[in-house]
PDB file of N, CA and C in Angstrom:
ATOM      1  N   UNK A   1     -28.804  -7.339  -8.111  1.00  0.00           N
ATOM      2  CA  UNK A   1     -28.517  -6.055  -7.498  1.00  0.00           C
ATOM      3  C   UNK A   1     -29.059  -4.953  -8.406  1.00  0.00           C
ATOM      4  N   UNK A   2     -29.260  -3.810  -7.836  1.00  0.00           N
ATOM      5  CA  UNK A   2     -29.904  -2.731  -8.567  1.00  0.00           C
ATOM      6  C   UNK A   2     -28.997  -2.115  -9.625  1.00  0.00           C
ATOM      7  N   UNK A   3     -29.629  -1.318 -10.479  1.00  0.00           N
ATOM      8  CA  UNK A   3     -28.864  -0.629 -11.523  1.00  0.00           C
ATOM      9  C   UNK A   3     -27.974   0.461 -10.930  1.00  0.00           C
ATOM     10  N   UNK A   4     -28.162   0.766  -9.644  1.00  0.00           N
ATOM     11  CA  UNK A   4     -27.286   1.724  -8.965  1.00  0.00           C
ATOM     12  C   UNK A   4     -25.831   1.251  -9.051  1.00  0.00           C
ATOM     13  N   UNK A   5     -25.626  -0.055  -8.998  1.00  0.00           N
ATOM     14  CA  UNK A   5     -24.268  -0.586  -9.090  1.00  0.00           C
ATOM     15  C   UNK A   5     -23.698  -0.404 -10.496  1.00  0.00           C
ATOM     16  N   UNK A   6     -24.539  -0.448 -11.499  1.00  0.00           N
ATOM     17  CA  UNK A   6     -24.081  -0.178 -12.858  1.00  0.00           C
ATOM     18  C   UNK A   6     -23.567   1.242 -12.984  1.00  0.00           C
ATOM     19  N   UNK A   7     -24.279   2.183 -12.365  1.00  0.00           N
ATOM     20  CA  UNK A   7     -23.833   3.580 -12.370  1.00  0.00           C
ATOM     21  C   UNK A   7     -22.519   3.715 -11.605  1.00  0.00           C
ATOM     22  N   UNK A   8     -22.407   2.995 -10.495  1.00  0.00           N
ATOM     23  CA  UNK A   8     -21.173   3.057  -9.710  1.00  0.00           C
ATOM     24  C   UNK A   8     -19.988   2.493 -10.497  1.00  0.00           C
ATOM     25  N   UNK A   9     -20.212   1.410 -11.227  1.00  0.00           N
ATOM     26  CA  UNK A   9     -19.135   0.858 -12.055  1.00  0.00           C
ATOM     27  C   UNK A   9     -18.683   1.884 -13.088  1.00  0.00           C
ATOM     28  N   UNK A  10     -19.645   2.569 -13.673  1.00  0.00           N
ATOM     29  CA  UNK A  10     -19.316   3.600 -14.664  1.00  0.00           C
ATOM     30  C   UNK A  10     -18.542   4.746 -14.009  1.00  0.00           C
ATOM     31  N   UNK A  11     -18.964   5.144 -12.813  1.00  0.00           N
ATOM     32  CA  UNK A  11     -18.258   6.209 -12.093  1.00  0.00           C
ATOM     33  C   UNK A  11     -16.811   5.808 -11.807  1.00  0.00           C
ATOM     34  N   UNK A  12     -16.616   4.565 -11.394  1.00  0.00           N
ATOM     35  CA  UNK A  12     -15.267   4.062 -11.123  1.00  0.00           C
ATOM     36  C   UNK A  12     -14.442   4.069 -12.403  1.00  0.00           C
ATOM     37  N   UNK A  13     -15.034   3.571 -13.471  1.00  0.00           N
ATOM     38  CA  UNK A  13     -14.326   3.512 -14.758  1.00  0.00           C
ATOM     39  C   UNK A  13     -13.898   4.910 -15.197  1.00  0.00           C
ATOM     40  N   UNK A  14     -14.801   5.866 -15.098  1.00  0.00           N
ATOM     41  CA  UNK A  14     -14.474   7.247 -15.485  1.00  0.00           C
ATOM     42  C   UNK A  14     -13.400   7.837 -14.577  1.00  0.00           C
ATOM     43  N   UNK A  15     -13.502   7.580 -13.280  1.00  0.00           N
ATOM     44  CA  UNK A  15     -12.511   8.111 -12.340  1.00  0.00           C
ATOM     45  C   UNK A  15     -11.114   7.589 -12.650  1.00  0.00           C
ATOM     46  N   UNK A  16     -11.044   6.368 -13.146  1.00  0.00           N
ATOM     47  CA  UNK A  16      -9.754   5.775 -13.492  1.00  0.00           C
ATOM     48  C   UNK A  16      -9.315   6.141 -14.906  1.00  0.00           C
ATOM     49  N   UNK A  17     -10.169   6.852 -15.636  1.00  0.00           N
ATOM     50  CA  UNK A  17      -9.823   7.271 -16.990  1.00  0.00           C
ATOM     51  C   UNK A  17      -9.780   6.116 -17.974  1.00  0.00           C
ATOM     52  N   UNK A  18     -10.632   5.121 -17.750  1.00  0.00           N
ATOM     53  CA  UNK A  18     -10.621   3.924 -18.591  1.00  0.00           C
ATOM     54  C   UNK A  18     -11.786   3.906 -19.567  1.00  0.00           C
ATOM     55  N   UNK A  19     -11.543   3.377 -20.744  1.00  0.00           N
ATOM     56  CA  UNK A  19     -12.615   3.104 -21.691  1.00  0.00           C
ATOM     57  C   UNK A  19     -13.292   1.807 -21.259  1.00  0.00           C
ATOM     58  N   UNK A  20     -14.437   1.518 -21.848  1.00  0.00           N
ATOM     59  CA  UNK A  20     -15.095   0.246 -21.536  1.00  0.00           C
ATOM     60  C   UNK A  20     -14.202  -0.945 -21.879  1.00  0.00           C
ATOM     61  N   UNK A  21     -13.549  -0.973 -23.052  1.00  0.00           N
ATOM     62  CA  UNK A  21     -12.655  -2.104 -23.341  1.00  0.00           C
ATOM     63  C   UNK A  21     -11.489  -2.213 -22.350  1.00  0.00           C
ATOM     64  N   UNK A  22     -10.932  -1.089 -21.927  1.00  0.00           N
ATOM     65  CA  UNK A  22      -9.839  -1.118 -20.950  1.00  0.00           C
ATOM     66  C   UNK A  22     -10.324  -1.642 -19.598  1.00  0.00           C
ATOM     67  N   UNK A  23     -11.510  -1.207 -19.202  1.00  0.00           N
ATOM     68  CA  UNK A  23     -12.095  -1.663 -17.938  1.00  0.00           C
ATOM     69  C   UNK A  23     -12.375  -3.162 -18.001  1.00  0.00           C
ATOM     70  N   UNK A  24     -12.836  -3.611 -19.150  1.00  0.00           N
ATOM     71  CA  UNK A  24     -13.084  -5.040 -19.360  1.00  0.00           C
ATOM     72  C   UNK A  24     -11.797  -5.837 -19.209  1.00  0.00           C
ATOM     73  N   UNK A  25     -10.736  -5.369 -19.838  1.00  0.00           N
ATOM     74  CA  UNK A  25      -9.447  -6.063 -19.761  1.00  0.00           C
ATOM     75  C   UNK A  25      -8.904  -6.067 -18.329  1.00  0.00           C
ATOM     76  N   UNK A  26      -9.079  -4.978 -17.623  1.00  0.00           N
ATOM     77  CA  UNK A  26      -8.580  -4.861 -16.254  1.00  0.00           C
ATOM     78  C   UNK A  26      -9.318  -5.783 -15.288  1.00  0.00           C
ATOM     79  N   UNK A  27     -10.634  -5.895 -15.481  1.00  0.00           N
ATOM     80  CA  UNK A  27     -11.464  -6.614 -14.514  1.00  0.00           C
ATOM     81  C   UNK A  27     -11.804  -8.046 -14.906  1.00  0.00           C
ATOM     82  N   UNK A  28     -11.703  -8.348 -16.188  1.00  0.00           N
ATOM     83  CA  UNK A  28     -12.128  -9.667 -16.640  1.00  0.00           C
ATOM     84  C   UNK A  28     -13.632  -9.767 -16.838  1.00  0.00           C
ATOM     85  N   UNK A  29     -14.314  -8.633 -16.789  1.00  0.00           N
ATOM     86  CA  UNK A  29     -15.758  -8.581 -17.037  1.00  0.00           C
ATOM     87  C   UNK A  29     -15.939  -8.334 -18.527  1.00  0.00           C
ATOM     88  N   UNK A  30     -16.811  -9.090 -19.158  1.00  0.00           N
ATOM     89  CA  UNK A  30     -16.955  -8.954 -20.609  1.00  0.00           C
ATOM     90  C   UNK A  30     -17.425  -7.551 -20.981  1.00  0.00           C
ATOM     91  N   UNK A  31     -17.008  -7.116 -22.152  1.00  0.00           N
ATOM     92  CA  UNK A  31     -17.365  -5.789 -22.642  1.00  0.00           C
ATOM     93  C   UNK A  31     -18.882  -5.639 -22.756  1.00  0.00           C
ATOM     94  N   UNK A  32     -19.544  -6.655 -23.271  1.00  0.00           N
ATOM     95  CA  UNK A  32     -21.005  -6.607 -23.396  1.00  0.00           C
ATOM     96  C   UNK A  32     -21.683  -6.465 -22.045  1.00  0.00           C
ATOM     97  N   UNK A  33     -21.161  -7.170 -21.053  1.00  0.00           N
ATOM     98  CA  UNK A  33     -21.734  -7.079 -19.707  1.00  0.00           C
ATOM     99  C   UNK A  33     -21.551  -5.676 -19.146  1.00  0.00           C
ATOM    100  N   UNK A  34     -20.369  -5.103 -19.337  1.00  0.00           N
ATOM    101  CA  UNK A  34     -20.120  -3.740 -18.847  1.00  0.00           C
ATOM    102  C   UNK A  34     -21.103  -2.772 -19.481  1.00  0.00           C
ATOM    103  N   UNK A  35     -21.289  -2.891 -20.770  1.00  0.00           N
ATOM    104  CA  UNK A  35     -22.252  -2.014 -21.461  1.00  0.00           C
ATOM    105  C   UNK A  35     -23.652  -2.183 -20.879  1.00  0.00           C
ATOM    106  N   UNK A  36     -24.051  -3.427 -20.649  1.00  0.00           N
ATOM    107  CA  UNK A  36     -25.384  -3.692 -20.097  1.00  0.00           C
ATOM    108  C   UNK A  36     -25.528  -3.158 -18.677  1.00  0.00           C
ATOM    109  N   UNK A  37     -24.498  -3.292 -17.867  1.00  0.00           N
ATOM    110  CA  UNK A  37     -24.551  -2.771 -16.498  1.00  0.00           C
ATOM    111  C   UNK A  37     -24.654  -1.254 -16.507  1.00  0.00           C
ATOM    112  N   UNK A  38     -23.829  -0.619 -17.320  1.00  0.00           N
ATOM    113  CA  UNK A  38     -23.786   0.844 -17.334  1.00  0.00           C
ATOM    114  C   UNK A  38     -25.062   1.469 -17.880  1.00  0.00           C
ATOM    115  N   UNK A  39     -25.754   0.766 -18.755  1.00  0.00           N
ATOM    116  CA  UNK A  39     -27.007   1.296 -19.297  1.00  0.00           C
ATOM    117  C   UNK A  39     -28.217   0.841 -18.496  1.00  0.00           C
ATOM    118  N   UNK A  40     -27.986   0.016 -17.483  1.00  0.00           N
ATOM    119  CA  UNK A  40     -29.085  -0.458 -16.651  1.00  0.00           C
ATOM    120  C   UNK A  40     -29.875  -1.600 -17.254  1.00  0.00           C
ATOM    121  N   UNK A  41     -29.382  -2.171 -18.355  1.00  0.00           N
ATOM    122  CA  UNK A  41     -30.093  -3.273 -18.999  1.00  0.00           C
ATOM    123  C   UNK A  41     -29.937  -4.583 -18.239  1.00  0.00           C
ATOM    124  N   UNK A  42     -28.878  -4.684 -17.434  1.00  0.00           N
ATOM    125  CA  UNK A  42     -28.642  -5.870 -16.611  1.00  0.00           C
ATOM    126  C   UNK A  42     -28.230  -5.431 -15.220  1.00  0.00           C
ATOM    127  N   UNK A  43     -28.607  -6.236 -14.244  1.00  0.00           N
ATOM    128  CA  UNK A  43     -28.177  -5.973 -12.875  1.00  0.00           C
ATOM    129  C   UNK A  43     -26.770  -6.512 -12.651  1.00  0.00           C
ATOM    130  N   UNK A  44     -26.054  -5.885 -11.765  1.00  0.00           N
ATOM    131  CA  UNK A  44     -24.690  -6.293 -11.431  1.00  0.00           C
ATOM    132  C   UNK A  44     -24.763  -7.375 -10.355  1.00  0.00           C
ATOM    133  N   UNK A  45     -24.150  -8.511 -10.628  1.00  0.00           N
ATOM    134  CA  UNK A  45     -24.152  -9.607  -9.667  1.00  0.00           C
ATOM    135  C   UNK A  45     -22.981  -9.534  -8.702  1.00  0.00           C
ATOM    136  N   UNK A  46     -23.048 -10.357  -7.673  1.00  0.00           N
ATOM    137  CA  UNK A  46     -21.982 -10.382  -6.671  1.00  0.00           C
ATOM    138  C   UNK A  46     -20.639 -10.789  -7.255  1.00  0.00           C
ATOM    139  N   UNK A  47     -20.656 -11.642  -8.276  1.00  0.00           N
ATOM    140  CA  UNK A  47     -19.386 -12.049  -8.890  1.00  0.00           C
ATOM    141  C   UNK A  47     -18.677 -10.854  -9.532  1.00  0.00           C
ATOM    142  N   UNK A  48     -19.431  -9.909 -10.046  1.00  0.00           N
ATOM    143  CA  UNK A  48     -18.855  -8.697 -10.649  1.00  0.00           C
ATOM    144  C   UNK A  48     -18.298  -7.786  -9.551  1.00  0.00           C
ATOM    145  N   UNK A  49     -19.080  -7.590  -8.505  1.00  0.00           N
ATOM    146  CA  UNK A  49     -18.616  -6.780  -7.373  1.00  0.00           C
ATOM    147  C   UNK A  49     -17.328  -7.378  -6.813  1.00  0.00           C
ATOM    148  N   UNK A  50     -17.292  -8.702  -6.721  1.00  0.00           N
ATOM    149  CA  UNK A  50     -16.114  -9.407  -6.218  1.00  0.00           C
ATOM    150  C   UNK A  50     -14.880  -9.102  -7.070  1.00  0.00           C
ATOM    151  N   UNK A  51     -15.054  -9.053  -8.392  1.00  0.00           N
ATOM    152  CA  UNK A  51     -13.929  -8.751  -9.284  1.00  0.00           C
ATOM    153  C   UNK A  51     -13.408  -7.333  -9.065  1.00  0.00           C
ATOM    154  N   UNK A  52     -14.295  -6.423  -8.741  1.00  0.00           N
ATOM    155  CA  UNK A  52     -13.895  -5.032  -8.509  1.00  0.00           C
ATOM    156  C   UNK A  52     -13.150  -4.913  -7.180  1.00  0.00           C
ATOM    157  N   UNK A  53     -13.744  -5.444  -6.122  1.00  0.00           N
ATOM    158  CA  UNK A  53     -13.154  -5.242  -4.794  1.00  0.00           C
ATOM    159  C   UNK A  53     -11.857  -6.026  -4.600  1.00  0.00           C
ATOM    160  N   UNK A  54     -11.643  -7.055  -5.407  1.00  0.00           N
ATOM    161  CA  UNK A  54     -10.403  -7.825  -5.297  1.00  0.00           C
ATOM    162  C   UNK A  54      -9.325  -7.371  -6.278  1.00  0.00           C
ATOM    163  N   UNK A  55      -9.647  -6.398  -7.115  1.00  0.00           N
ATOM    164  CA  UNK A  55      -8.672  -5.883  -8.066  1.00  0.00           C
ATOM    165  C   UNK A  55      -7.789  -4.856  -7.354  1.00  0.00           C
ATOM    166  N   UNK A  56      -6.472  -5.053  -7.353  1.00  0.00           N
ATOM    167  CA  UNK A  56      -5.581  -4.134  -6.625  1.00  0.00           C
ATOM    168  C   UNK A  56      -5.710  -2.671  -7.046  1.00  0.00           C
ATOM    169  N   UNK A  57      -6.053  -2.430  -8.293  1.00  0.00           N
ATOM    170  CA  UNK A  57      -6.173  -1.052  -8.776  1.00  0.00           C
ATOM    171  C   UNK A  57      -7.512  -0.426  -8.375  1.00  0.00           C
ATOM    172  N   UNK A  58      -8.515  -1.265  -8.120  1.00  0.00           N
ATOM    173  CA  UNK A  58      -9.862  -0.754  -7.878  1.00  0.00           C
ATOM    174  C   UNK A  58     -10.365  -0.965  -6.457  1.00  0.00           C
ATOM    175  N   UNK A  59      -9.648  -1.717  -5.644  1.00  0.00           N
ATOM    176  CA  UNK A  59     -10.173  -2.035  -4.313  1.00  0.00           C
ATOM    177  C   UNK A  59     -10.284  -0.814  -3.399  1.00  0.00           C
ATOM    178  N   UNK A  60      -9.723   0.305  -3.803  1.00  0.00           N
ATOM    179  CA  UNK A  60      -9.868   1.546  -3.028  1.00  0.00           C
ATOM    180  C   UNK A  60     -11.310   2.051  -3.019  1.00  0.00           C
ATOM    181  N   UNK A  61     -12.144   1.499  -3.909  1.00  0.00           N
ATOM    182  CA  UNK A  61     -13.549   1.903  -3.990  1.00  0.00           C
ATOM    183  C   UNK A  61     -14.484   0.948  -3.249  1.00  0.00           C
ATOM    184  N   UNK A  62     -13.959  -0.063  -2.574  1.00  0.00           N
ATOM    185  CA  UNK A  62     -14.778  -1.100  -1.942  1.00  0.00           C
ATOM    186  C   UNK A  62     -15.822  -0.520  -1.000  1.00  0.00           C
ATOM    187  N   UNK A  63     -15.402   0.292  -0.069  1.00  0.00           N
ATOM    188  CA  UNK A  63     -16.323   0.834   0.930  1.00  0.00           C
ATOM    189  C   UNK A  63     -17.408   1.683   0.274  1.00  0.00           C
ATOM    190  N   UNK A  64     -17.015   2.519  -0.669  1.00  0.00           N
ATOM    191  CA  UNK A  64     -17.988   3.364  -1.372  1.00  0.00           C
ATOM    192  C   UNK A  64     -18.946   2.511  -2.187  1.00  0.00           C
ATOM    193  N   UNK A  65     -18.424   1.508  -2.856  1.00  0.00           N
ATOM    194  CA  UNK A  65     -19.248   0.642  -3.691  1.00  0.00           C
ATOM    195  C   UNK A  65     -20.305  -0.070  -2.857  1.00  0.00           C
ATOM    196  N   UNK A  66     -19.923  -0.536  -1.680  1.00  0.00           N
ATOM    197  CA  UNK A  66     -20.826  -1.320  -0.850  1.00  0.00           C
ATOM    198  C   UNK A  66     -21.728  -0.481   0.054  1.00  0.00           C
ATOM    199  N   UNK A  67     -21.258   0.693   0.485  1.00  0.00           N
ATOM    200  CA  UNK A  67     -22.026   1.421   1.505  1.00  0.00           C
ATOM    201  C   UNK A  67     -22.174   2.922   1.269  1.00  0.00           C
ATOM    202  N   UNK A  68     -21.640   3.433   0.168  1.00  0.00           N
ATOM    203  CA  UNK A  68     -21.656   4.875  -0.116  1.00  0.00           C
ATOM    204  C   UNK A  68     -20.857   5.685   0.900  1.00  0.00           C
ATOM    205  N   UNK A  69     -19.973   5.039   1.625  1.00  0.00           N
ATOM    206  CA  UNK A  69     -19.142   5.731   2.602  1.00  0.00           C
ATOM    207  C   UNK A  69     -17.684   5.693   2.139  1.00  0.00           C
ATOM    208  N   UNK A  70     -16.887   6.593   2.683  1.00  0.00           N
ATOM    209  CA  UNK A  70     -15.460   6.607   2.374  1.00  0.00           C
ATOM    210  C   UNK A  70     -14.665   6.676   3.676  1.00  0.00           C
ATOM    211  N   UNK A  71     -13.417   6.320   3.581  1.00  0.00           N
ATOM    212  CA  UNK A  71     -12.477   6.434   4.700  1.00  0.00           C
ATOM    213  C   UNK A  71     -11.103   6.712   4.092  1.00  0.00           C
ATOM    214  N   UNK A  72     -10.880   7.948   3.640  1.00  0.00           N
ATOM    215  CA  UNK A  72      -9.627   8.272   2.958  1.00  0.00           C
ATOM    216  C   UNK A  72      -8.379   7.888   3.750  1.00  0.00           C
ATOM    217  N   UNK A  73      -8.437   8.009   5.073  1.00  0.00           N
ATOM    218  CA  UNK A  73      -7.266   7.650   5.882  1.00  0.00           C
ATOM    219  C   UNK A  73      -6.958   6.161   5.796  1.00  0.00           C
ATOM    220  N   UNK A  74      -7.962   5.364   5.424  1.00  0.00           N
ATOM    221  CA  UNK A  74      -7.775   3.923   5.249  1.00  0.00           C
ATOM    222  C   UNK A  74      -7.625   3.558   3.774  1.00  0.00           C
ATOM    223  N   UNK A  75      -7.531   4.578   2.911  1.00  0.00           N
ATOM    224  CA  UNK A  75      -7.371   4.330   1.483  1.00  0.00           C
ATOM    225  C   UNK A  75      -8.666   4.000   0.772  1.00  0.00           C
ATOM    226  N   UNK A  76      -9.799   4.255   1.412  1.00  0.00           N
ATOM    227  CA  UNK A  76     -11.105   3.972   0.820  1.00  0.00           C
ATOM    228  C   UNK A  76     -11.742   5.279   0.375  1.00  0.00           C
ATOM    229  N   UNK A  77     -11.866   5.432  -0.943  1.00  0.00           N
ATOM    230  CA  UNK A  77     -12.339   6.691  -1.508  1.00  0.00           C
ATOM    231  C   UNK A  77     -13.526   6.466  -2.430  1.00  0.00           C
ATOM    232  N   UNK A  78     -14.146   7.565  -2.826  1.00  0.00           N
ATOM    233  CA  UNK A  78     -15.190   7.572  -3.848  1.00  0.00           C
ATOM    234  C   UNK A  78     -14.549   8.029  -5.149  1.00  0.00           C
ATOM    235  N   UNK A  79     -15.147   7.694  -6.283  1.00  0.00           N
ATOM    236  CA  UNK A  79     -14.567   8.125  -7.561  1.00  0.00           C
ATOM    237  C   UNK A  79     -14.321   9.626  -7.645  1.00  0.00           C
ATOM    238  N   UNK A  80     -15.169  10.417  -7.014  1.00  0.00           N
ATOM    239  CA  UNK A  80     -14.986  11.869  -7.062  1.00  0.00           C
ATOM    240  C   UNK A  80     -13.670  12.303  -6.427  1.00  0.00           C
ATOM    241  N   UNK A  81     -13.109  11.471  -5.553  1.00  0.00           N
ATOM    242  CA  UNK A  81     -11.842  11.802  -4.898  1.00  0.00           C
ATOM    243  C   UNK A  81     -10.635  11.295  -5.669  1.00  0.00           C
ATOM    244  N   UNK A  82     -10.863  10.508  -6.705  1.00  0.00           N
ATOM    245  CA  UNK A  82      -9.764   9.916  -7.484  1.00  0.00           C
ATOM    246  C   UNK A  82      -9.456  10.793  -8.681  1.00  0.00           C
ATOM    247  N   UNK A  83      -8.998  11.999  -8.438  1.00  0.00           N
ATOM    248  CA  UNK A  83      -8.812  12.989  -9.499  1.00  0.00           C
ATOM    249  C   UNK A  83      -7.518  12.832 -10.263  1.00  0.00           C
ATOM    250  N   UNK A  84      -6.746  11.819  -9.984  1.00  0.00           N
ATOM    251  CA  UNK A  84      -5.461  11.700 -10.658  1.00  0.00           C
ATOM    252  C   UNK A  84      -5.458  10.711 -11.803  1.00  0.00           C
ATOM    253  N   UNK A  85      -6.531  10.016 -12.060  1.00  0.00           N
ATOM    254  CA  UNK A  85      -6.624   9.139 -13.228  1.00  0.00           C
ATOM    255  C   UNK A  85      -5.750   7.914 -13.153  1.00  0.00           C
ATOM    256  N   UNK A  86      -5.328   7.422 -14.312  1.00  0.00           N
ATOM    257  CA  UNK A  86      -4.660   6.129 -14.396  1.00  0.00           C
ATOM    258  C   UNK A  86      -3.149   6.202 -14.327  1.00  0.00           C
ATOM    259  N   UNK A  87      -2.593   7.378 -14.131  1.00  0.00           N
ATOM    260  CA  UNK A  87      -1.132   7.488 -14.137  1.00  0.00           C
ATOM    261  C   UNK A  87      -0.515   7.248 -12.763  1.00  0.00           C
ATOM    262  N   UNK A  88      -1.308   6.695 -11.850  1.00  0.00           N
ATOM    263  CA  UNK A  88      -0.787   6.389 -10.531  1.00  0.00           C
ATOM    264  C   UNK A  88      -0.450   7.619  -9.707  1.00  0.00           C
ATOM    265  N   UNK A  89      -1.047   8.751 -10.048  1.00  0.00           N
ATOM    266  CA  UNK A  89      -0.789   9.972  -9.305  1.00  0.00           C
ATOM    267  C   UNK A  89       0.367  10.783  -9.845  1.00  0.00           C
ATOM    268  N   UNK A  90       0.969  10.357 -10.950  1.00  0.00           N
ATOM    269  CA  UNK A  90       2.135  11.063 -11.486  1.00  0.00           C
ATOM    270  C   UNK A  90       1.807  12.514 -11.822  1.00  0.00           C
ATOM    271  N   UNK A  91       0.657  12.753 -12.427  1.00  0.00           N
ATOM    272  CA  UNK A  91       0.283  14.125 -12.777  1.00  0.00           C
ATOM    273  C   UNK A  91       0.086  14.956 -11.513  1.00  0.00           C
ATOM    274  N   UNK A  92      -0.555  14.354 -10.511  1.00  0.00           N
ATOM    275  CA  UNK A  92      -0.760  15.057  -9.254  1.00  0.00           C
ATOM    276  C   UNK A  92       0.583  15.350  -8.588  1.00  0.00           C
ATOM    277  N   UNK A  93       1.489  14.386  -8.604  1.00  0.00           N
ATOM    278  CA  UNK A  93       2.810  14.592  -8.016  1.00  0.00           C
ATOM    279  C   UNK A  93       3.593  15.660  -8.764  1.00  0.00           C
ATOM    280  N   UNK A  94       3.467  15.671 -10.097  1.00  0.00           N
ATOM    281  CA  UNK A  94       4.156  16.677 -10.900  1.00  0.00           C
ATOM    282  C   UNK A  94       3.617  18.064 -10.566  1.00  0.00           C
ATOM    283  N   UNK A  95       2.299  18.183 -10.423  1.00  0.00           N
ATOM    284  CA  UNK A  95       1.700  19.465 -10.066  1.00  0.00           C
ATOM    285  C   UNK A  95       2.187  19.908  -8.694  1.00  0.00           C
ATOM    286  N   UNK A  96       2.210  18.975  -7.738  1.00  0.00           N
ATOM    287  CA  UNK A  96       2.687  19.295  -6.396  1.00  0.00           C
ATOM    288  C   UNK A  96       4.134  19.783  -6.447  1.00  0.00           C
ATOM    289  N   UNK A  97       4.983  19.122  -7.241  1.00  0.00           N
ATOM    290  CA  UNK A  97       6.393  19.497  -7.361  1.00  0.00           C
ATOM    291  C   UNK A  97       6.516  20.899  -7.954  1.00  0.00           C
ATOM    292  N   UNK A  98       5.692  21.187  -8.981  1.00  0.00           N
ATOM    293  CA  UNK A  98       5.741  22.512  -9.595  1.00  0.00           C
ATOM    294  C   UNK A  98       5.353  23.583  -8.582  1.00  0.00           C
ATOM    295  N   UNK A  99       4.344  23.310  -7.767  1.00  0.00           N
ATOM    296  CA  UNK A  99       3.913  24.273  -6.753  1.00  0.00           C
ATOM    297  C   UNK A  99       5.010  24.461  -5.716  1.00  0.00           C
ATOM    298  N   UNK A 100       5.614  23.352  -5.285  1.00  0.00           N
ATOM    299  CA  UNK A 100       6.703  23.448  -4.310  1.00  0.00           C
ATOM    300  C   UNK A 100       7.872  24.245  -4.878  1.00  0.00           C
ATOM    301  N   UNK A 101       8.238  23.981  -6.139  1.00  0.00           N
ATOM    302  CA  UNK A 101       9.324  24.723  -6.777  1.00  0.00           C
ATOM    303  C   UNK A 101       8.988  26.204  -6.863  1.00  0.00           C
ATOM    304  N   UNK A 102       7.738  26.503  -7.185  1.00  0.00           N
ATOM    305  CA  UNK A 102       7.293  27.887  -7.275  1.00  0.00           C
ATOM    306  C   UNK A 102       7.380  28.561  -5.911  1.00  0.00           C
ATOM    307  N   UNK A 103       6.989  27.842  -4.859  1.00  0.00           N
ATOM    308  CA  UNK A 103       7.067  28.390  -3.504  1.00  0.00           C
ATOM    309  C   UNK A 103       8.512  28.676  -3.113  1.00  0.00           C
ATOM    310  N   UNK A 104       9.425  27.782  -3.486  1.00  0.00           N
ATOM    311  CA  UNK A 104      10.843  27.975  -3.172  1.00  0.00           C
ATOM    312  C   UNK A 104      11.366  29.211  -3.884  1.00  0.00           C
ATOM    313  N   UNK A 105      11.026  29.348  -5.185  1.00  0.00           N
ATOM    314  CA  UNK A 105      11.471  30.526  -5.942  1.00  0.00           C
ATOM    315  C   UNK A 105      10.886  31.801  -5.347  1.00  0.00           C
ATOM    316  N   UNK A 106       9.615  31.763  -4.970  1.00  0.00           N
ATOM    317  CA  UNK A 106       8.968  32.944  -4.394  1.00  0.00           C
ATOM    318  C   UNK A 106       9.633  33.353  -3.094  1.00  0.00           C
ATOM    319  N   UNK A 107       9.928  32.384  -2.235  1.00  0.00           N
ATOM    320  CA  UNK A 107      10.554  32.729  -0.954  1.00  0.00           C
ATOM    321  C   UNK A 107      11.984  33.223  -1.176  1.00  0.00           C
ATOM    322  N   UNK A 108      12.679  32.673  -2.175  1.00  0.00           N
ATOM    323  CA  UNK A 108      14.039  33.121  -2.491  1.00  0.00           C
ATOM    324  C   UNK A 108      14.014  34.570  -2.981  1.00  0.00           C
ATOM    325  N   UNK A 109      13.048  34.892  -3.857  1.00  0.00           N
ATOM    326  CA  UNK A 109      12.919  36.264  -4.362  1.00  0.00           C
ATOM    327  C   UNK A 109      12.553  37.215  -3.234  1.00  0.00           C
ATOM    328  N   UNK A 110      11.704  36.780  -2.328  1.00  0.00           N
ATOM    329  CA  UNK A 110      11.298  37.625  -1.208  1.00  0.00           C
ATOM    330  C   UNK A 110      12.495  37.939  -0.321  1.00  0.00           C
ATOM    331  N   UNK A 111      13.380  36.966  -0.147  1.00  0.00           N
ATOM    332  CA  UNK A 111      14.569  37.187   0.674  1.00  0.00           C
ATOM    333  C   UNK A 111      15.506  38.192   0.011  1.00  0.00           C
ATOM    334  N   UNK A 112      15.624  38.130  -1.320  1.00  0.00           N
ATOM    335  CA  UNK A 112      16.515  39.048  -2.039  1.00  0.00           C
ATOM    336  C   UNK A 112      16.005  40.481  -1.975  1.00  0.00           C
ATOM    337  N   UNK A 113      14.687  40.662  -2.033  1.00  0.00           N
ATOM    338  CA  UNK A 113      14.126  42.013  -2.068  1.00  0.00           C
ATOM    339  C   UNK A 113      13.956  42.594  -0.679  1.00  0.00           C
ATOM    340  N   UNK A 114      14.069  41.788   0.341  1.00  0.00           N
ATOM    341  CA  UNK A 114      13.853  42.279   1.712  1.00  0.00           C
ATOM    342  C   UNK A 114      15.054  42.994   2.268  1.00  0.00           C
TER     343      UNK A 114
END
């Protein structure tokens, strides 16, 4: 397979906030192989793609990895859409909660001044 898949693996790794050793541990792909894929020195084989698409943490990238398409409603995203990193969305949820709390305080203050 082309070196395009090596770039995609790197994009996925970055989107998840993982180092190469962490990505290796998560996927079972050797660290040396990951380095070679990401630098384009080796092509990514189907066995590597299989490890990504069958990994519960990474299978959300299956459609993008295979076809450059996404289906967010089906849980299929591109790395650019995975802005919450490796904390399982906790930071995103915390931000959402802070915004909601701020909205509640704002509406409460508006009611008092009206």
